[in-house]
Amino acid sequence: MIEEYRMLIGGAWVAASDGGTFETTNPATGKVWAIAPEATAEDIDRAVKAAHEACYEGPWARMTPTERGRCLRKLGDLLADRSEALGEIETRDSGKMFKETRWQAKYIAEFFHFYAGAADKISGETLPIDKPDLFVFTNREPVGVVAAVVPWNSQLFLTSVKIGPALAAGNTVVLKTSEHAPATILEFGKLIAEAGIPDGVVNIVSGHGDPCGKVLTSHPLVARVSFTGGPVAARHVVMNSASNFAEVSLELGGKSPFIVFDDADVESAVNGSVAGIFGASGQSCVAGSRLIVHEDVADEFIARMKAIAEGIRIGDPMAEETEMGPLCTRGQLETIEREVVGAVAQGATVVCGGRRAEAGEMFFQPTVIDCPSPDLKIVDTELFGPVLCVLRFRTEEEALRLANDTEHGLAAGIFTRDSARALRMSRAVRAGIVWVNTYRVISPIAEFGGNKASGYGRESGLQAVYDYTRPKTVWMNMSDAPVGNPFQMR
C-alpha cells in the first residue's frame, strides 16, 4: 500500500491545484512508500492568505494568550500519545532509527508544553518617559504570518521550535515540509484541529524549493521566515526576503569541533564522540565531525573509536537491535564517497570504514579519517554522514585555533577535567552552542543557533517567543489641558 497525503490549507486537506505529486522513498528499502502533493505557486498563495486571514480576522486573533496556551498544551499531549506512530512514519520516510524517532516525538511534547506556559507570560513595559503628563507603555504583538521551512532530519523537533513560539505569540504559520521526507509533518498536521487550533492558523504545504519555497519566502504577506537547511538554499531565502522585507532567522548546520584534552575522562569523551558523529548516522546539524584531540591521548582515543565503530550494528532502522541506519538521500551518499576519496588523495588515512556498508545501497560504514593537516577539504566540508575527521594538537592555543578555523559556527564540544580551561575555551570558541563534558543535549529551556556560515537567530528558549513579536509603543496624554500650538515652541 502506498500512502497518499494531502496538504493542510485553511483547515482543509487538499491536493495540489494542478494535481501534481512527488514520490517519497524509504531509504532502508529503496522502495516508494508514499506520495505527497507538489504545491504550486497558487497553492502557496492560498495557504499564506488563509494564514493572514486567521491571524487578523479569525477566532485565533480573539483568543486570549491563556487560551492559545491551552491549545499548545493539548497539541503536546497529542504528540506524546501518538509518538509511536509518528516515530514509525518518520523512520520509514527518512531512515532514522525508530528508537530515536519514537523517543524524540515523545520528548518534543515538552517543547509544546513549555511554549504553552509561555503564551501568557509575554509582556511589555512602562517607560519612565522624560515628558510631563505623558504615560508611555509598550505592548508585544505578533509579527503576523510566519513561513517555517524545515529539512527532513529531526523534522518534529525543528517544527516544534518554530511553530511553538510562533503560535504562543499569536502568529499564524505556513509550514513547508522537506521534499525528501514530507510524510511525518503532513501526518503531524492531523493533530492541529484536534488540539483546538482554529482553521488557517497552521497550514502545511509540500513541494520543492521552486516554486514552493521561493513563493512562500518572498510572499508579500509573510512577515517572518524561519529556515533550517543548507547554505545554498539559505542564500535564496535571504534574497527572496528582499521582496517582502520579512525578518529572517537561519540555522544552517556546521562542522562542529569536538575537543579532547589530555586530562579528559577518555571513556566519557569517546562515548560522547560516538554519539556526536555516529548517532542518527551523522545526519545531525550539530554532529561533532571534527575531532580535535591532544596528541598524548590521540592514539588511545582513535583505537577506542575504531573498535566501537567497527562493532556498530548497521541495518533495519525499525529493529531494536540496530544501532545505525541508512542515509536519507543519494546525494549525501555520493558526496561522502567523493570526499573520502579526495581526502585520501590529499594524504589522509582511513582508520576504519570509508565505503558503503553491506546492509543496503543507502548505508555507509561508520568512518574515522586521520587527517595530517586542517587544510584538507574534508575537514571543513559538512558531509551529513557518519564520517569523523581527526586532527591532533599540543597546546590549548593550538586547539582553539583549530576549533575556530572553520566557516561554520553552530556547536562545539569540550572534554577536560580542568574547569578553568573549560570556561576559557567555551568563551573563546566561536559557536552558538558549547557542550562541556557532554554532547548533543537539548531542552526547550535552552536557546540554540549558530554564527558565521551556520546562520543567525536563535530557536528554543523563552527569547524565541519574543523574537516572534514586535513591540508597539503607546503614548497617552494624561493632561486635561489642550494640546499646545505646534508653532509656539517652548
Protein backbone atom coordinates (compact mmCIF):
# COMPACT_ATOMS: atom_id res chain seq x y z
CA MET A 1 0.00 0.00 0.00
CA ILE A 2 1.32 3.42 -0.98
CA GLU A 3 0.15 6.20 1.30
CA GLU A 4 -1.30 9.26 -0.42
CA TYR A 5 -1.03 12.51 1.51
CA ARG A 6 -2.74 15.88 1.20
CA MET A 7 -1.71 19.38 2.26
CA LEU A 8 -3.37 21.33 5.06
CA ILE A 9 -4.59 24.73 3.82
CA GLY A 10 -7.19 26.80 5.62
CA GLY A 11 -8.29 23.81 7.70
CA ALA A 12 -8.93 21.58 4.65
CA TRP A 13 -6.86 18.66 3.38
CA VAL A 14 -6.24 19.36 -0.29
CA ALA A 15 -4.31 18.11 -3.30
CA ALA A 16 -2.11 20.40 -5.38
CA SER A 17 -4.20 22.70 -7.55
CA ASP A 18 -2.82 21.12 -10.73
CA GLY A 19 -2.85 17.58 -9.32
CA GLY A 20 0.96 17.39 -9.18
CA THR A 21 2.63 14.91 -6.84
CA PHE A 22 6.05 13.53 -6.00
CA GLU A 23 7.17 10.22 -4.50
CA THR A 24 8.94 9.63 -1.22
CA THR A 25 11.18 6.60 -0.84
CA ASN A 26 12.06 4.52 2.21
CA PRO A 27 15.89 4.81 2.35
CA ALA A 28 16.21 1.45 4.09
CA THR A 29 14.44 -0.46 1.33
CA GLY A 30 14.75 1.81 -1.68
CA LYS A 31 11.01 1.44 -2.31
CA VAL A 32 8.44 4.18 -2.83
CA TRP A 33 6.04 4.11 0.09
CA ALA A 34 4.17 7.45 -0.09
CA ILE A 35 3.05 10.19 -2.48
CA ALA A 36 2.81 13.85 -1.49
CA PRO A 37 1.34 16.88 -3.29
CA GLU A 38 3.67 19.12 -5.28
CA ALA A 39 2.45 22.56 -4.27
CA THR A 40 2.06 25.20 -6.97
CA ALA A 41 2.53 28.95 -6.61
CA GLU A 42 -1.26 29.20 -6.45
CA ASP A 43 -1.36 26.74 -3.53
CA ILE A 44 1.24 28.72 -1.60
CA ASP A 45 -0.63 31.95 -2.19
CA ARG A 46 -3.80 30.31 -0.91
CA ALA A 47 -2.03 29.00 2.21
CA VAL A 48 -0.47 32.37 3.04
CA LYS A 49 -3.78 34.17 2.56
CA ALA A 50 -5.51 31.63 4.80
CA ALA A 51 -2.88 32.24 7.48
CA HIS A 52 -3.20 36.00 7.10
CA GLU A 53 -6.97 35.89 7.48
CA ALA A 54 -6.70 33.60 10.51
CA CYS A 55 -4.17 35.92 12.11
CA TYR A 56 -6.20 39.11 11.84
CA GLU A 57 -9.85 38.17 11.34
CA GLY A 58 -10.45 34.66 12.66
CA PRO A 59 -11.09 33.31 16.17
CA TRP A 60 -7.34 32.94 16.77
CA ALA A 61 -7.00 36.73 16.79
CA ARG A 62 -9.65 36.97 19.53
CA MET A 63 -8.34 34.19 21.76
CA THR A 64 -6.57 35.18 24.94
CA PRO A 65 -2.94 34.14 25.40
CA THR A 66 -4.08 31.66 28.05
CA GLU A 67 -6.48 30.07 25.57
CA ARG A 68 -3.70 29.80 22.99
CA GLY A 69 -1.59 28.13 25.65
CA ARG A 70 -4.29 25.52 26.25
CA CYS A 71 -4.23 24.65 22.55
CA LEU A 72 -0.45 24.21 22.59
CA ARG A 73 -0.63 22.08 25.73
CA LYS A 74 -3.22 19.86 24.09
CA LEU A 75 -1.04 19.61 20.97
CA GLY A 76 1.87 18.46 23.12
CA ASP A 77 -0.30 15.84 24.82
CA LEU A 78 -1.49 14.53 21.47
CA LEU A 79 2.06 14.38 20.17
CA ALA A 80 3.17 12.33 23.17
CA ASP A 81 0.19 9.98 22.76
CA ARG A 82 0.94 9.43 19.05
CA SER A 83 4.74 9.32 19.38
CA GLU A 84 4.92 5.63 18.46
CA ALA A 85 3.01 6.07 15.19
CA LEU A 86 4.72 9.34 14.26
CA GLY A 87 8.15 7.85 15.00
CA GLU A 88 7.42 4.89 12.77
CA ILE A 89 6.39 7.16 9.89
CA GLU A 90 9.48 9.32 10.29
CA THR A 91 11.71 6.22 10.26
CA ARG A 92 10.03 4.92 7.13
CA ASP A 93 10.31 8.31 5.45
CA SER A 94 13.85 9.35 6.42
CA GLY A 95 15.63 6.17 7.55
CA LYS A 96 16.35 7.49 11.05
CA MET A 97 16.44 4.95 13.84
CA PHE A 98 12.99 4.14 15.23
CA LYS A 99 14.42 4.13 18.74
CA GLU A 100 15.39 7.76 18.22
CA THR A 101 12.33 8.99 16.30
CA ARG A 102 9.94 7.41 18.79
CA TRP A 103 11.75 8.92 21.78
CA GLN A 104 12.18 12.27 20.07
CA ALA A 105 8.49 12.57 19.18
CA LYS A 106 7.57 11.93 22.81
CA TYR A 107 10.13 14.36 24.21
CA ILE A 108 9.18 17.09 21.75
CA ALA A 109 5.83 17.26 23.53
CA GLU A 110 7.76 19.05 26.29
CA PHE A 111 8.58 21.87 23.86
CA PHE A 112 4.89 22.49 23.20
CA HIS A 113 4.20 22.33 26.94
CA PHE A 114 6.96 24.89 27.52
CA TYR A 115 5.54 27.30 24.95
CA ALA A 116 2.03 26.68 26.25
CA GLY A 117 3.21 28.04 29.59
CA ALA A 118 4.99 30.95 27.92
CA ALA A 119 1.95 32.12 25.93
CA ASP A 120 0.52 34.31 28.72
CA LYS A 121 3.90 35.43 30.06
CA ILE A 122 4.67 37.76 27.13
CA SER A 123 4.63 41.29 28.46
CA GLY A 124 5.53 44.84 27.56
CA GLU A 125 6.75 47.54 29.92
CA THR A 126 6.01 51.05 31.13
CA LEU A 127 8.61 53.65 30.28
CA PRO A 128 9.87 56.41 32.65
CA ILE A 129 9.43 58.98 29.91
CA ASP A 130 11.15 62.38 30.11
CA LYS A 131 7.97 64.35 29.22
CA PRO A 132 5.42 65.59 31.80
CA ASP A 133 1.79 64.40 31.75
CA LEU A 134 2.52 61.53 29.39
CA PHE A 135 2.07 57.85 30.17
CA VAL A 136 4.03 55.62 27.80
CA PHE A 137 3.98 51.84 27.60
CA THR A 138 4.78 49.04 25.16
CA ASN A 139 2.79 46.00 24.07
CA ARG A 140 4.19 42.92 22.37
CA GLU A 141 2.20 41.99 19.28
CA PRO A 142 2.54 39.03 16.90
CA VAL A 143 4.50 39.74 13.73
CA GLY A 144 1.85 38.11 11.52
CA VAL A 145 2.28 35.23 9.08
CA VAL A 146 5.38 33.10 9.66
CA ALA A 147 6.93 30.97 6.90
CA ALA A 148 8.62 27.99 8.55
CA VAL A 149 10.85 25.77 6.41
CA VAL A 150 12.17 22.52 7.90
CA PRO A 151 14.55 19.88 6.50
CA TRP A 152 13.97 16.14 6.60
CA ASN A 153 16.17 15.39 9.61
CA SER A 154 14.71 15.98 13.10
CA GLN A 155 11.52 17.23 11.47
CA LEU A 156 9.26 17.19 14.52
CA PHE A 157 11.87 18.84 16.72
CA LEU A 158 12.53 21.62 14.22
CA THR A 159 8.80 22.07 13.68
CA SER A 160 8.22 22.43 17.41
CA VAL A 161 10.87 25.12 17.89
CA LYS A 162 9.37 27.14 15.04
CA ILE A 163 5.62 26.85 15.40
CA GLY A 164 5.69 26.53 19.22
CA PRO A 165 6.94 30.07 19.94
CA ALA A 166 5.21 31.48 16.85
CA LEU A 167 1.79 30.27 18.00
CA ALA A 168 2.44 31.17 21.63
CA ALA A 169 2.99 34.76 20.49
CA GLY A 170 -0.25 34.76 18.47
CA ASN A 171 1.11 34.37 14.94
CA THR A 172 -0.09 32.03 12.23
CA VAL A 173 2.15 29.70 10.22
CA VAL A 174 2.70 28.23 6.79
CA LEU A 175 4.99 25.26 7.28
CA LYS A 176 6.88 23.80 4.32
CA THR A 177 8.00 20.19 4.60
CA SER A 178 11.14 18.75 3.08
CA GLU A 179 10.77 17.33 -0.41
CA HIS A 180 12.91 14.37 0.72
CA ALA A 181 10.66 13.24 3.58
CA PRO A 182 7.36 15.14 3.87
CA ALA A 183 5.13 12.47 5.39
CA THR A 184 5.88 12.98 9.08
CA ILE A 185 4.88 16.65 9.12
CA LEU A 186 1.79 16.03 7.00
CA GLU A 187 0.80 13.32 9.48
CA PHE A 188 1.55 15.65 12.40
CA GLY A 189 -0.83 18.17 10.81
CA LYS A 190 -3.75 15.89 11.65
CA LEU A 191 -3.27 16.83 15.31
CA ILE A 192 -3.77 20.57 14.71
CA ALA A 193 -7.57 20.68 14.62
CA GLU A 194 -7.78 18.03 17.33
CA ALA A 195 -5.81 20.34 19.61
CA GLY A 196 -8.44 23.05 19.16
CA ILE A 197 -6.32 25.26 16.92
CA PRO A 198 -8.65 27.12 14.50
CA ASP A 199 -8.59 26.62 10.75
CA GLY A 200 -5.89 28.52 8.89
CA VAL A 201 -3.66 29.06 11.92
CA VAL A 202 -1.30 26.26 10.85
CA ASN A 203 -1.03 25.43 7.16
CA ILE A 204 1.27 22.67 5.87
CA VAL A 205 2.50 22.53 2.29
CA SER A 206 4.80 20.12 0.50
CA GLY A 207 6.96 20.67 -2.55
CA HIS A 208 10.37 21.67 -3.84
CA GLY A 209 12.31 24.88 -3.46
CA ASP A 210 10.98 26.27 -6.71
CA PRO A 211 8.22 27.24 -6.83
CA CYS A 212 7.06 26.20 -3.36
CA GLY A 213 9.84 27.60 -1.17
CA LYS A 214 10.55 30.57 -3.41
CA VAL A 215 6.96 31.81 -3.49
CA LEU A 216 6.50 31.22 0.24
CA THR A 217 9.58 33.10 1.44
CA SER A 218 9.00 36.04 -0.91
CA HIS A 219 5.23 36.35 -0.42
CA PRO A 220 4.20 39.93 0.46
CA LEU A 221 2.00 38.78 3.36
CA VAL A 222 4.80 36.83 5.07
CA ALA A 223 6.31 38.79 7.97
CA ARG A 224 8.94 36.37 9.21
CA VAL A 225 10.88 33.44 7.74
CA SER A 226 12.39 30.73 9.93
CA PHE A 227 14.60 28.48 7.81
CA THR A 228 16.63 25.39 8.67
CA GLY A 229 18.64 23.81 5.88
CA GLY A 230 21.72 24.26 3.74
CA PRO A 231 23.62 27.46 2.88
CA VAL A 232 22.80 27.35 -0.84
CA ALA A 233 19.06 27.39 -0.21
CA ALA A 234 19.55 29.93 2.60
CA ARG A 235 21.09 32.43 0.22
CA HIS A 236 17.97 32.19 -1.94
CA VAL A 237 15.81 32.72 1.16
CA VAL A 238 17.71 35.88 2.06
CA MET A 239 17.36 37.21 -1.49
CA ASN A 240 13.66 36.31 -1.52
CA SER A 241 13.10 38.24 1.69
CA ALA A 242 14.21 41.41 -0.08
CA SER A 243 10.82 41.30 -1.80
CA ASN A 244 8.74 41.40 1.38
CA PHE A 245 11.21 42.73 3.97
CA ALA A 246 10.43 39.72 6.15
CA GLU A 247 12.55 39.13 9.23
CA VAL A 248 14.74 36.06 8.71
CA SER A 249 16.39 33.52 11.01
CA LEU A 250 18.68 30.83 9.61
CA GLU A 251 20.05 27.60 11.08
CA LEU A 252 22.43 26.10 8.53
CA GLY A 253 24.35 23.26 10.10
CA GLY A 254 28.04 23.04 10.78
CA LYS A 255 31.28 21.14 11.08
CA SER A 256 31.46 21.15 14.85
CA PRO A 257 34.76 20.73 16.71
CA PHE A 258 34.90 18.04 19.39
CA ILE A 259 37.93 18.96 21.52
CA VAL A 260 39.52 16.38 23.84
CA PHE A 261 42.32 17.44 26.23
CA ASP A 262 44.85 15.08 27.74
CA ASP A 263 43.21 15.29 31.18
CA ALA A 264 39.77 14.29 29.91
CA ASP A 265 37.93 11.17 31.01
CA VAL A 266 38.73 9.24 27.84
CA GLU A 267 35.87 6.75 28.13
CA SER A 268 33.36 9.55 28.59
CA ALA A 269 34.85 11.54 25.71
CA VAL A 270 34.83 8.53 23.39
CA ASN A 271 31.18 7.82 24.18
CA GLY A 272 30.37 11.49 23.61
CA SER A 273 32.16 11.44 20.27
CA VAL A 274 30.40 8.26 19.18
CA ALA A 275 27.04 9.85 19.99
CA GLY A 276 28.08 13.08 18.29
CA ILE A 277 29.14 11.58 14.98
CA PHE A 278 27.51 8.16 14.62
CA GLY A 279 24.20 8.97 16.29
CA ALA A 280 21.49 9.49 13.64
CA SER A 281 24.08 8.15 11.14
CA GLY A 282 25.84 11.52 11.43
CA GLN A 283 22.80 13.26 9.93
CA SER A 284 22.67 16.00 12.52
CA CYS A 285 23.33 19.73 12.21
CA VAL A 286 25.42 19.59 15.39
CA ALA A 287 27.37 16.44 14.53
CA GLY A 288 30.79 16.55 16.19
CA SER A 289 32.50 15.72 12.92
CA ARG A 290 35.90 17.35 13.66
CA LEU A 291 37.71 15.50 16.45
CA ILE A 292 40.50 17.72 17.80
CA VAL A 293 42.40 15.52 20.24
CA HIS A 294 45.55 16.08 22.31
CA GLU A 295 48.49 14.18 20.85
CA ASP A 296 49.23 12.39 24.15
CA VAL A 297 45.85 10.61 24.12
CA ALA A 298 45.19 10.60 20.37
CA ASP A 299 46.34 7.03 19.62
CA GLU A 300 44.34 5.56 22.50
CA PHE A 301 41.30 7.64 21.58
CA ILE A 302 41.39 6.67 17.91
CA ALA A 303 41.86 2.99 18.78
CA ARG A 304 38.79 3.07 21.01
CA MET A 305 36.76 4.88 18.36
CA LYS A 306 37.83 2.32 15.76
CA ALA A 307 36.82 -0.61 17.97
CA ILE A 308 33.39 0.86 18.64
CA ALA A 309 32.83 1.95 15.03
CA GLU A 310 33.64 -1.49 13.66
CA GLY A 311 31.21 -3.08 16.10
CA ILE A 312 28.22 -0.85 15.34
CA ARG A 313 25.25 -2.90 14.15
CA ILE A 314 24.05 -1.49 10.83
CA GLY A 315 20.70 -2.45 9.38
CA ASP A 316 16.93 -2.07 9.51
CA PRO A 317 16.22 1.20 11.37
CA MET A 318 12.97 -0.28 12.73
CA ALA A 319 14.79 -3.11 14.53
CA GLU A 320 15.58 -2.58 18.21
CA GLU A 321 19.00 -4.23 17.90
CA THR A 322 20.12 -1.91 15.07
CA GLU A 323 22.46 0.92 16.09
CA MET A 324 22.87 2.78 12.80
CA GLY A 325 20.53 3.07 9.84
CA PRO A 326 20.80 4.34 6.27
CA LEU A 327 21.48 7.78 4.86
CA CYS A 328 18.40 9.63 3.67
CA THR A 329 19.41 10.83 0.21
CA ARG A 330 21.56 9.57 -2.63
CA GLY A 331 23.17 12.99 -2.91
CA GLN A 332 24.58 12.66 0.61
CA LEU A 333 25.95 9.21 -0.15
CA GLU A 334 27.68 10.29 -3.32
CA THR A 335 29.14 13.41 -1.67
CA ILE A 336 30.57 11.36 1.18
CA GLU A 337 32.15 8.83 -1.16
CA ARG A 338 33.67 11.59 -3.27
CA GLU A 339 35.06 13.50 -0.27
CA VAL A 340 36.59 10.39 1.32
CA VAL A 341 38.40 9.57 -1.92
CA GLY A 342 39.59 13.17 -2.14
CA ALA A 343 40.86 13.13 1.45
CA VAL A 344 42.92 10.01 0.83
CA ALA A 345 44.38 11.62 -2.28
CA GLN A 346 45.42 14.57 -0.10
CA GLY A 347 47.23 12.31 2.38
CA ALA A 348 44.56 11.31 4.90
CA THR A 349 44.39 7.79 6.34
CA VAL A 350 41.12 5.89 6.63
CA VAL A 351 41.31 4.28 10.07
CA CYS A 352 38.05 2.39 9.59
CA GLY A 353 35.04 2.40 7.28
CA GLY A 354 35.23 4.61 4.22
CA ARG A 355 32.79 2.75 1.99
CA ARG A 356 29.20 1.60 1.67
CA ALA A 357 28.01 -0.99 4.16
CA GLU A 358 26.68 -4.38 3.15
CA ALA A 359 23.27 -3.69 4.74
CA GLY A 360 21.98 -1.97 1.60
CA GLU A 361 22.53 0.63 -1.08
CA MET A 362 21.96 3.68 1.16
CA PHE A 363 24.07 2.50 4.10
CA PHE A 364 27.55 3.86 4.78
CA GLN A 365 30.06 2.47 7.25
CA PRO A 366 30.99 4.41 10.41
CA THR A 367 34.20 6.10 9.27
CA VAL A 368 37.20 7.58 11.04
CA ILE A 369 39.73 9.52 8.97
CA ASP A 370 43.10 10.61 10.36
CA CYS A 371 43.91 13.97 8.74
CA PRO A 372 47.54 15.19 8.63
CA SER A 373 46.51 18.83 8.15
CA PRO A 374 43.48 21.07 8.75
CA ASP A 375 43.87 22.24 5.16
CA LEU A 376 42.29 19.08 3.76
CA LYS A 377 38.99 19.91 2.08
CA ILE A 378 37.09 17.25 4.01
CA VAL A 379 37.97 18.87 7.34
CA ASP A 380 35.61 21.81 6.79
CA THR A 381 33.06 20.23 4.45
CA GLU A 382 29.77 19.25 6.08
CA LEU A 383 29.08 15.70 4.89
CA PHE A 384 25.93 15.00 6.91
CA GLY A 385 27.01 11.41 7.44
CA PRO A 386 28.97 9.12 9.80
CA VAL A 387 32.45 10.43 8.97
CA LEU A 388 34.81 11.70 11.67
CA CYS A 389 37.88 13.78 10.75
CA VAL A 390 40.71 13.62 13.31
CA LEU A 391 43.23 16.39 13.99
CA ARG A 392 45.90 16.42 16.72
CA PHE A 393 47.08 19.34 18.88
CA ARG A 394 49.75 20.07 21.51
CA THR A 395 48.65 23.25 23.29
CA GLU A 396 45.40 24.89 24.31
CA GLU A 397 46.12 27.75 21.91
CA GLU A 398 46.54 25.32 19.04
CA ALA A 399 43.30 23.54 19.93
CA LEU A 400 41.43 26.84 19.93
CA ARG A 401 42.94 27.85 16.60
CA LEU A 402 41.90 24.54 15.02
CA ALA A 403 38.41 24.79 16.50
CA ASN A 404 37.83 28.28 15.11
CA ASP A 405 39.47 27.58 11.75
CA THR A 406 36.15 26.96 10.02
CA GLU A 407 33.47 28.86 8.16
CA HIS A 408 30.90 27.23 10.43
CA GLY A 409 29.94 28.08 13.99
CA LEU A 410 26.98 26.08 15.24
CA ALA A 411 28.23 23.81 18.05
CA ALA A 412 31.35 22.65 19.87
CA GLY A 413 32.25 20.01 22.44
CA ILE A 414 34.99 20.35 25.07
CA PHE A 415 36.19 17.48 27.23
CA THR A 416 38.50 18.34 30.12
CA ARG A 417 38.61 17.99 33.91
CA ASP A 418 40.07 21.50 34.24
CA SER A 419 37.10 23.80 34.94
CA ALA A 420 39.10 26.97 34.34
CA ARG A 421 40.18 25.68 30.94
CA ALA A 422 36.62 24.68 30.14
CA LEU A 423 35.45 28.23 30.88
CA ARG A 424 38.27 29.78 28.83
CA MET A 425 37.60 27.54 25.86
CA SER A 426 33.81 27.86 25.97
CA ARG A 427 34.20 31.63 25.94
CA ALA A 428 36.75 31.67 23.11
CA VAL A 429 35.26 29.05 20.77
CA ARG A 430 33.12 30.80 18.16
CA ALA A 431 29.99 28.66 18.27
CA GLY A 432 26.39 29.22 19.27
CA ILE A 433 26.26 26.07 21.45
CA VAL A 434 29.08 24.69 23.59
CA TRP A 435 28.79 21.39 25.45
CA VAL A 436 31.36 20.67 28.17
CA ASN A 437 31.91 17.01 29.11
CA THR A 438 28.68 16.09 27.33
CA TYR A 439 27.32 16.38 23.81
CA ARG A 440 24.13 16.66 21.73
CA VAL A 441 21.84 17.54 24.63
CA ILE A 442 18.73 19.68 24.08
CA SER A 443 15.99 21.27 26.16
CA PRO A 444 13.07 23.61 25.45
CA ILE A 445 14.55 25.95 28.05
CA ALA A 446 17.86 26.47 26.24
CA GLU A 447 18.39 28.52 23.08
CA PHE A 448 20.35 27.18 20.13
CA GLY A 449 21.64 28.65 16.90
CA GLY A 450 24.85 29.45 15.09
CA ASN A 451 27.37 32.03 13.98
CA LYS A 452 29.15 32.67 10.69
CA ALA A 453 28.03 30.30 7.91
CA SER A 454 25.93 28.36 10.42
CA GLY A 455 23.34 31.12 10.29
CA TYR A 456 21.88 33.68 12.66
CA GLY A 457 18.98 33.97 15.04
CA ARG A 458 18.09 31.62 17.87
CA GLU A 459 15.46 28.95 18.39
CA SER A 460 14.07 27.36 21.55
CA GLY A 461 14.08 29.06 24.93
CA LEU A 462 11.90 31.92 26.15
CA GLN A 463 13.60 34.53 23.97
CA ALA A 464 12.31 32.72 20.88
CA VAL A 465 8.76 33.78 21.80
CA TYR A 466 9.77 37.44 21.88
CA ASP A 467 11.50 37.00 18.53
CA TYR A 468 8.06 36.30 17.05
CA THR A 469 6.67 39.60 18.37
CA ARG A 470 7.10 43.30 17.67
CA PRO A 471 6.88 45.97 20.37
CA LYS A 472 4.26 48.67 19.94
CA THR A 473 4.79 51.91 21.83
CA VAL A 474 1.68 53.72 23.10
CA TRP A 475 1.77 57.38 24.22
CA MET A 476 -1.12 58.68 26.38
CA ASN A 477 -1.59 62.30 27.34
CA MET A 478 -2.94 62.45 30.93
CA SER A 479 -3.40 66.22 31.00
CA ASP A 480 -6.83 67.89 30.65
CA ALA A 481 -5.17 70.94 29.10
CA PRO A 482 -5.49 71.28 25.30
CA VAL A 483 -2.54 70.31 23.18
CA GLY A 484 -0.33 73.35 22.64
CA ASN A 485 0.14 75.28 19.42
CA PRO A 486 2.77 73.35 17.44
CA PHE A 487 4.23 76.61 16.07
CA GLN A 488 4.97 78.01 19.51
CA MET A 489 7.91 76.04 20.75
CA ARG A 490 8.74 76.17 24.48
